N, C-alpha and C. Protein backbone atom coordinates (compact mmCIF):
# COMPACT_ATOMS: atom_id res chain seq x y z
N GLY A 1 0.96 41.96 -17.90
CA GLY A 1 0.14 42.22 -16.77
C GLY A 1 0.97 42.39 -15.51
N ALA A 2 0.30 42.67 -14.45
CA ALA A 2 0.95 42.88 -13.16
C ALA A 2 1.53 41.58 -12.60
N TYR A 3 0.94 40.44 -12.96
CA TYR A 3 1.40 39.15 -12.45
C TYR A 3 1.67 38.21 -13.63
N PRO A 4 2.84 38.28 -14.21
CA PRO A 4 3.12 37.40 -15.36
C PRO A 4 3.16 35.94 -14.91
N LEU A 5 2.52 35.09 -15.67
CA LEU A 5 2.46 33.67 -15.36
C LEU A 5 3.08 32.87 -16.49
N LYS A 6 3.62 31.74 -16.12
CA LYS A 6 4.19 30.83 -17.11
C LYS A 6 3.64 29.43 -16.84
N VAL A 7 2.98 28.86 -17.82
CA VAL A 7 2.43 27.51 -17.67
C VAL A 7 3.56 26.52 -17.90
N ARG A 8 3.80 25.69 -16.90
CA ARG A 8 4.88 24.71 -17.01
C ARG A 8 4.37 23.31 -17.31
N THR A 9 3.11 23.05 -16.97
CA THR A 9 2.54 21.73 -17.22
C THR A 9 1.03 21.85 -17.35
N MET A 10 0.43 20.97 -18.11
CA MET A 10 -1.02 20.97 -18.27
C MET A 10 -1.66 19.87 -17.42
N ASP A 11 -0.84 19.13 -16.66
CA ASP A 11 -1.37 18.03 -15.84
C ASP A 11 -2.48 18.49 -14.91
N LEU A 12 -2.28 19.62 -14.25
CA LEU A 12 -3.28 20.11 -13.30
C LEU A 12 -4.61 20.37 -14.00
N ASN A 13 -4.58 20.96 -15.17
CA ASN A 13 -5.82 21.20 -15.91
C ASN A 13 -6.52 19.90 -16.25
N ASP A 14 -5.75 18.88 -16.64
CA ASP A 14 -6.34 17.58 -16.94
C ASP A 14 -7.01 17.00 -15.71
N GLU A 15 -6.35 17.11 -14.55
CA GLU A 15 -6.90 16.56 -13.32
C GLU A 15 -8.11 17.36 -12.86
N LEU A 16 -8.07 18.67 -12.99
CA LEU A 16 -9.20 19.50 -12.56
C LEU A 16 -10.45 19.18 -13.38
N GLY A 17 -10.28 18.79 -14.61
CA GLY A 17 -11.41 18.44 -15.44
C GLY A 17 -12.14 17.20 -14.97
N GLN A 18 -11.51 16.41 -14.10
CA GLN A 18 -12.10 15.18 -13.61
C GLN A 18 -12.85 15.39 -12.29
N ILE A 19 -12.76 16.55 -11.69
CA ILE A 19 -13.40 16.82 -10.40
C ILE A 19 -14.87 17.11 -10.62
N SER A 20 -15.72 16.45 -9.83
CA SER A 20 -17.16 16.69 -9.98
C SER A 20 -17.71 17.56 -8.86
N HIS A 21 -17.06 17.59 -7.67
CA HIS A 21 -17.56 18.38 -6.56
C HIS A 21 -16.39 19.08 -5.85
N ILE A 22 -16.58 20.33 -5.50
CA ILE A 22 -15.61 21.04 -4.67
C ILE A 22 -16.37 21.59 -3.48
N PHE A 23 -15.91 21.26 -2.27
CA PHE A 23 -16.55 21.74 -1.06
C PHE A 23 -15.75 22.92 -0.53
N SER A 24 -16.44 23.98 -0.22
CA SER A 24 -15.77 25.19 0.23
C SER A 24 -16.47 25.73 1.46
N ASP A 25 -15.69 26.38 2.32
CA ASP A 25 -16.23 26.94 3.55
C ASP A 25 -15.73 28.36 3.71
N LYS A 26 -16.61 29.32 3.68
CA LYS A 26 -16.23 30.72 3.78
C LYS A 26 -16.21 31.20 5.23
N THR A 27 -16.74 30.41 6.16
CA THR A 27 -16.88 30.90 7.53
C THR A 27 -15.56 31.04 8.27
N GLY A 28 -14.48 30.50 7.77
CA GLY A 28 -13.21 30.52 8.49
C GLY A 28 -12.40 31.79 8.36
N THR A 29 -12.92 32.82 7.72
CA THR A 29 -12.16 34.05 7.49
C THR A 29 -11.60 34.64 8.77
N PHE A 30 -12.43 34.80 9.79
CA PHE A 30 -11.98 35.40 11.04
C PHE A 30 -11.79 34.37 12.14
N THR A 31 -12.44 33.23 12.05
CA THR A 31 -12.41 32.25 13.13
C THR A 31 -11.35 31.18 12.93
N LEU A 32 -10.70 31.15 11.78
CA LEU A 32 -9.68 30.16 11.44
C LEU A 32 -10.23 28.73 11.44
N ASN A 33 -11.50 28.59 11.11
CA ASN A 33 -12.04 27.25 10.92
C ASN A 33 -11.40 26.66 9.67
N TYR A 34 -11.29 25.37 9.62
CA TYR A 34 -10.76 24.73 8.43
C TYR A 34 -11.41 23.36 8.27
N MET A 35 -11.39 22.87 7.07
CA MET A 35 -11.92 21.55 6.78
C MET A 35 -10.74 20.59 6.67
N GLU A 36 -10.96 19.35 7.07
CA GLU A 36 -9.94 18.32 6.94
C GLU A 36 -10.33 17.35 5.84
N PHE A 37 -9.35 16.97 5.04
CA PHE A 37 -9.58 15.94 4.02
C PHE A 37 -9.52 14.59 4.72
N ARG A 38 -10.64 13.88 4.73
CA ARG A 38 -10.71 12.60 5.43
C ARG A 38 -11.16 11.45 4.52
N LYS A 39 -12.00 11.75 3.55
CA LYS A 39 -12.57 10.69 2.72
C LYS A 39 -12.68 11.14 1.27
N VAL A 40 -12.68 10.17 0.37
CA VAL A 40 -12.84 10.44 -1.05
C VAL A 40 -13.55 9.23 -1.67
N SER A 41 -14.40 9.48 -2.65
CA SER A 41 -15.08 8.40 -3.36
C SER A 41 -14.58 8.38 -4.80
N ILE A 42 -14.08 7.23 -5.21
CA ILE A 42 -13.56 7.06 -6.57
C ILE A 42 -14.26 5.85 -7.18
N ARG A 43 -15.00 6.11 -8.25
CA ARG A 43 -15.72 5.04 -8.96
C ARG A 43 -16.56 4.18 -8.02
N GLY A 44 -17.26 4.83 -7.11
CA GLY A 44 -18.18 4.13 -6.22
C GLY A 44 -17.55 3.50 -4.99
N VAL A 45 -16.25 3.60 -4.84
CA VAL A 45 -15.58 3.07 -3.65
C VAL A 45 -15.22 4.24 -2.75
N ALA A 46 -15.73 4.22 -1.52
CA ALA A 46 -15.44 5.28 -0.56
C ALA A 46 -14.16 4.92 0.19
N TYR A 47 -13.12 5.72 -0.01
CA TYR A 47 -11.86 5.50 0.67
C TYR A 47 -11.73 6.47 1.84
N GLY A 48 -11.03 6.05 2.86
CA GLY A 48 -10.81 6.87 4.04
C GLY A 48 -11.53 6.29 5.23
N LEU A 49 -10.78 5.95 6.25
CA LEU A 49 -11.36 5.35 7.44
C LEU A 49 -11.63 6.42 8.49
N GLY A 50 -12.47 6.09 9.43
CA GLY A 50 -12.70 7.00 10.54
C GLY A 50 -13.95 7.83 10.35
N THR A 51 -14.13 8.76 11.30
CA THR A 51 -15.30 9.61 11.28
C THR A 51 -14.91 11.01 11.76
N THR A 52 -15.89 11.85 11.91
CA THR A 52 -15.68 13.23 12.36
C THR A 52 -16.47 13.45 13.64
N GLU A 53 -16.36 14.65 14.20
CA GLU A 53 -17.16 14.99 15.39
C GLU A 53 -18.64 14.90 15.06
N ILE A 54 -19.01 15.29 13.86
CA ILE A 54 -20.42 15.19 13.45
C ILE A 54 -20.84 13.72 13.40
N GLY A 55 -19.97 12.87 12.88
CA GLY A 55 -20.27 11.44 12.85
C GLY A 55 -20.40 10.86 14.25
N LEU A 56 -19.54 11.31 15.17
CA LEU A 56 -19.64 10.85 16.55
C LEU A 56 -20.98 11.26 17.18
N ASP A 57 -21.38 12.50 16.93
CA ASP A 57 -22.67 12.96 17.47
C ASP A 57 -23.83 12.12 16.94
N ARG A 58 -23.77 11.79 15.65
CA ARG A 58 -24.82 10.94 15.07
C ARG A 58 -24.83 9.58 15.75
N MET A 59 -23.66 9.01 15.96
CA MET A 59 -23.57 7.69 16.62
C MET A 59 -24.14 7.76 18.04
N ARG A 60 -23.82 8.83 18.77
CA ARG A 60 -24.35 8.98 20.13
C ARG A 60 -25.87 9.08 20.12
N ARG A 61 -26.41 9.86 19.16
CA ARG A 61 -27.88 9.98 19.06
C ARG A 61 -28.54 8.63 18.79
N GLU A 62 -27.82 7.77 18.06
CA GLU A 62 -28.36 6.45 17.73
C GLU A 62 -28.09 5.43 18.83
N GLY A 63 -27.46 5.88 19.94
CA GLY A 63 -27.19 5.00 21.07
C GLY A 63 -26.00 4.08 20.89
N ILE A 64 -25.10 4.41 19.97
CA ILE A 64 -23.92 3.59 19.70
C ILE A 64 -22.80 4.03 20.63
N ASP A 65 -22.10 3.06 21.23
CA ASP A 65 -20.96 3.36 22.10
C ASP A 65 -19.80 3.87 21.24
N THR A 66 -19.31 5.07 21.55
CA THR A 66 -18.26 5.70 20.73
C THR A 66 -16.89 5.67 21.40
N THR A 67 -16.75 4.95 22.50
CA THR A 67 -15.49 4.94 23.26
C THR A 67 -14.31 4.53 22.38
N GLU A 68 -14.45 3.43 21.66
CA GLU A 68 -13.35 2.92 20.82
C GLU A 68 -13.04 3.89 19.67
N VAL A 69 -14.09 4.40 19.03
CA VAL A 69 -13.92 5.33 17.91
C VAL A 69 -13.22 6.60 18.39
N GLU A 70 -13.60 7.12 19.56
CA GLU A 70 -12.97 8.32 20.09
C GLU A 70 -11.49 8.09 20.39
N ALA A 71 -11.14 6.90 20.90
CA ALA A 71 -9.74 6.59 21.18
C ALA A 71 -8.93 6.55 19.88
N ILE A 72 -9.50 5.98 18.84
CA ILE A 72 -8.83 5.94 17.53
C ILE A 72 -8.63 7.35 17.00
N MET A 73 -9.67 8.19 17.13
CA MET A 73 -9.57 9.57 16.65
C MET A 73 -8.48 10.35 17.39
N ARG A 74 -8.38 10.15 18.71
CA ARG A 74 -7.32 10.83 19.49
C ARG A 74 -5.94 10.37 19.03
N ALA A 75 -5.78 9.07 18.81
CA ALA A 75 -4.48 8.54 18.37
C ALA A 75 -4.13 9.06 16.98
N THR A 76 -5.12 9.12 16.10
CA THR A 76 -4.88 9.63 14.75
C THR A 76 -4.51 11.10 14.78
N ALA A 77 -5.20 11.88 15.60
CA ALA A 77 -4.93 13.32 15.69
C ALA A 77 -3.55 13.59 16.25
N ALA A 78 -3.02 12.69 17.08
CA ALA A 78 -1.72 12.89 17.70
C ALA A 78 -0.56 12.57 16.75
N ARG A 79 -0.84 11.84 15.68
CA ARG A 79 0.23 11.48 14.73
C ARG A 79 0.69 12.69 13.94
N PRO A 80 2.00 12.78 13.65
CA PRO A 80 2.47 13.89 12.79
C PRO A 80 1.91 13.72 11.38
N ARG A 81 1.65 14.85 10.73
CA ARG A 81 1.08 14.85 9.38
C ARG A 81 2.06 15.46 8.40
N SER A 82 2.11 14.89 7.21
CA SER A 82 2.98 15.44 6.18
C SER A 82 2.34 16.64 5.50
N GLN A 83 1.01 16.71 5.50
CA GLN A 83 0.27 17.81 4.89
C GLN A 83 -0.71 18.37 5.91
N PRO A 84 -0.75 19.69 6.09
CA PRO A 84 -1.73 20.25 7.04
C PRO A 84 -3.16 20.00 6.57
N HIS A 85 -4.04 19.75 7.52
CA HIS A 85 -5.48 19.58 7.28
C HIS A 85 -5.80 18.33 6.45
N VAL A 86 -4.86 17.40 6.39
CA VAL A 86 -5.13 16.12 5.74
C VAL A 86 -5.07 15.05 6.81
N ASN A 87 -6.20 14.42 7.06
CA ASN A 87 -6.32 13.40 8.09
C ASN A 87 -6.90 12.16 7.43
N PHE A 88 -6.17 11.63 6.46
CA PHE A 88 -6.67 10.54 5.63
C PHE A 88 -6.01 9.24 6.03
N GLU A 89 -6.83 8.28 6.40
CA GLU A 89 -6.35 6.94 6.74
C GLU A 89 -6.79 6.02 5.61
N ASP A 90 -5.82 5.48 4.86
CA ASP A 90 -6.15 4.67 3.68
C ASP A 90 -6.90 3.41 4.10
N GLY A 91 -7.94 3.13 3.38
CA GLY A 91 -8.80 1.98 3.63
C GLY A 91 -10.20 2.35 3.17
N SER A 92 -11.13 1.45 3.36
CA SER A 92 -12.50 1.72 2.93
C SER A 92 -13.49 1.15 3.92
N ASP A 93 -14.37 2.04 4.44
CA ASP A 93 -15.45 1.57 5.30
C ASP A 93 -16.50 0.85 4.47
N SER A 94 -16.73 1.31 3.24
CA SER A 94 -17.78 0.72 2.40
C SER A 94 -17.33 -0.57 1.71
N HIS A 95 -16.04 -0.72 1.47
CA HIS A 95 -15.50 -1.90 0.80
C HIS A 95 -14.31 -2.41 1.62
N PRO A 96 -14.55 -3.13 2.73
CA PRO A 96 -13.45 -3.59 3.59
C PRO A 96 -12.38 -4.32 2.80
N GLY A 97 -11.14 -4.03 3.14
CA GLY A 97 -10.00 -4.65 2.47
C GLY A 97 -9.48 -3.85 1.28
N ARG A 98 -10.23 -2.86 0.80
CA ARG A 98 -9.78 -2.05 -0.33
C ARG A 98 -8.97 -0.87 0.18
N LYS A 99 -7.89 -0.54 -0.53
CA LYS A 99 -7.06 0.63 -0.24
C LYS A 99 -6.71 1.30 -1.56
N ILE A 100 -6.60 2.62 -1.53
CA ILE A 100 -6.23 3.35 -2.75
C ILE A 100 -4.90 2.86 -3.27
N LYS A 101 -3.91 2.73 -2.39
CA LYS A 101 -2.57 2.36 -2.82
C LYS A 101 -2.56 1.02 -3.55
N THR A 102 -3.20 0.00 -2.99
CA THR A 102 -3.20 -1.31 -3.65
C THR A 102 -4.07 -1.31 -4.90
N ASP A 103 -5.18 -0.56 -4.88
CA ASP A 103 -6.02 -0.47 -6.08
C ASP A 103 -5.27 0.18 -7.23
N LEU A 104 -4.47 1.21 -6.94
CA LEU A 104 -3.69 1.87 -7.99
C LEU A 104 -2.61 0.95 -8.54
N VAL A 105 -1.96 0.20 -7.67
CA VAL A 105 -0.92 -0.73 -8.13
C VAL A 105 -1.54 -1.79 -9.04
N GLN A 106 -2.71 -2.33 -8.64
CA GLN A 106 -3.37 -3.33 -9.47
C GLN A 106 -3.81 -2.74 -10.80
N ARG A 107 -4.32 -1.50 -10.78
CA ARG A 107 -4.75 -0.84 -12.02
C ARG A 107 -3.56 -0.65 -12.95
N ASP A 108 -2.43 -0.19 -12.39
CA ASP A 108 -1.26 0.07 -13.22
C ASP A 108 -0.67 -1.21 -13.80
N ALA A 109 -0.82 -2.33 -13.07
CA ALA A 109 -0.26 -3.59 -13.53
C ALA A 109 -1.15 -4.29 -14.56
N ALA A 110 -2.42 -3.89 -14.63
CA ALA A 110 -3.35 -4.52 -15.56
C ALA A 110 -3.00 -4.17 -17.00
N PRO A 111 -3.30 -5.06 -17.95
CA PRO A 111 -3.06 -4.73 -19.36
C PRO A 111 -3.80 -3.45 -19.74
N GLY A 112 -3.09 -2.53 -20.33
CA GLY A 112 -3.69 -1.25 -20.71
C GLY A 112 -3.81 -0.28 -19.56
N GLY A 113 -3.26 -0.65 -18.37
CA GLY A 113 -3.31 0.23 -17.21
C GLY A 113 -2.42 1.43 -17.41
N ARG A 114 -2.55 2.37 -16.52
CA ARG A 114 -1.77 3.61 -16.61
C ARG A 114 -0.29 3.29 -16.48
N GLN A 115 0.50 3.87 -17.34
CA GLN A 115 1.94 3.65 -17.33
C GLN A 115 2.62 4.75 -16.52
N SER A 116 3.56 4.35 -15.68
CA SER A 116 4.32 5.33 -14.91
C SER A 116 5.33 6.02 -15.80
N VAL A 117 5.51 7.29 -15.57
CA VAL A 117 6.53 8.05 -16.29
C VAL A 117 7.67 8.30 -15.34
N GLY A 118 8.86 7.85 -15.65
CA GLY A 118 9.94 7.99 -14.68
C GLY A 118 11.12 8.41 -15.33
C-alpha cells in the first residue's frame, strides 16, 4: 500500500480494548479549541483534582465562593506541563486521600498483582 505499516507491539490494542468511552470534539477545526485531560474514573474512583470553567460557572450559580478555586486554577495553569493539553492533578475529589500512583503501587505489591517488566 501507499503507507506500509509495521506492528511493533500489541500493548496498545490490549489497552484500547479496555476503553469504554471516548470523548471527541469536532468544533476545533478552525477555532483551535481543544479539550484538556483533567479527570479519569477507574473502577468507581474518580481521580483528578480541580474543576473547569464550566464547573466554576455551576458553583457561581449555586452561590458558592470561587475565589480560592480560581486561584488554584491560575497556579495550576501557570505550571509547565510535560504533555500538551494534560492538566491532571493526581488525587481524588470523590475518595479523599486516594491517588493513582499510590493505588498502582499497592496493586502491584499485592499477591497476584501486576508484575513490572524491566
